[in-house]
Protein backbone atom coordinates (compact mmCIF):
# COMPACT_ATOMS: atom_id res chain seq x y z
CA ALA A 1 -7.63 2.29 -2.31
CA PHE A 2 -5.91 3.49 -5.27
CA GLY A 3 -7.50 1.13 -7.54
CA SER A 4 -10.77 2.27 -6.79
CA LYS A 5 -9.51 6.04 -6.82
CA ILE A 6 -8.39 5.00 -10.74
CA LYS A 7 -12.02 3.45 -11.57
CA GLU A 8 -13.64 6.72 -10.24
CA VAL A 9 -11.90 8.86 -12.85
CA GLY A 10 -13.44 6.80 -15.37
CA VAL A 11 -9.78 4.48 -16.49
CA ASN A 12 -10.11 0.73 -16.54
CA THR A 13 -6.40 0.00 -18.47
CA ILE A 14 -3.39 0.77 -17.30
CA VAL A 15 0.42 0.22 -18.30
CA PHE A 16 2.55 -0.88 -15.18
CA ASP A 17 6.37 -0.17 -15.69
CA ARG A 18 8.27 -1.94 -12.77
CA ALA A 19 10.90 0.44 -14.05
CA GLY A 20 13.47 -2.15 -14.12
CA ARG A 21 12.58 -3.79 -10.49
CA LYS A 22 12.09 -7.70 -10.23
CA TYR A 23 8.27 -8.92 -10.00
CA HIS A 24 7.98 -9.58 -6.53
CA GLY A 25 7.80 -8.29 -3.22
CA CYS A 26 6.18 -4.55 -2.83
CA VAL A 27 5.72 -4.54 -7.13
CA LYS A 28 3.89 -7.93 -7.18
CA ALA A 29 1.45 -6.91 -4.43
CA PHE A 30 0.99 -3.45 -5.92
CA ALA A 31 -0.17 -5.30 -8.82
CA ASP A 32 -2.24 -7.71 -7.39
CA ALA A 33 -4.13 -5.51 -5.82
CA LEU A 34 -4.89 -3.38 -8.94
CA ARG A 35 -5.68 -7.04 -10.57
CA GLU A 36 -8.16 -7.04 -7.47
CA GLN A 37 -10.32 -4.02 -8.47
CA LYS A 38 -10.59 -5.33 -11.84
CA LEU A 39 -8.07 -2.98 -13.65
CA GLU A 40 -6.28 -4.63 -17.01
CA PHE A 41 -2.99 -4.28 -17.81
């Protein structure tokens, strides 16, 4: 849902700041969901 809303606005490339958190769990799931929507990091 979030990824499709971003694409509706016309954004295709994003910067993902994990704020010092490890890349696992919710952070990884969120990034993977955005990648499934064809957003580039």
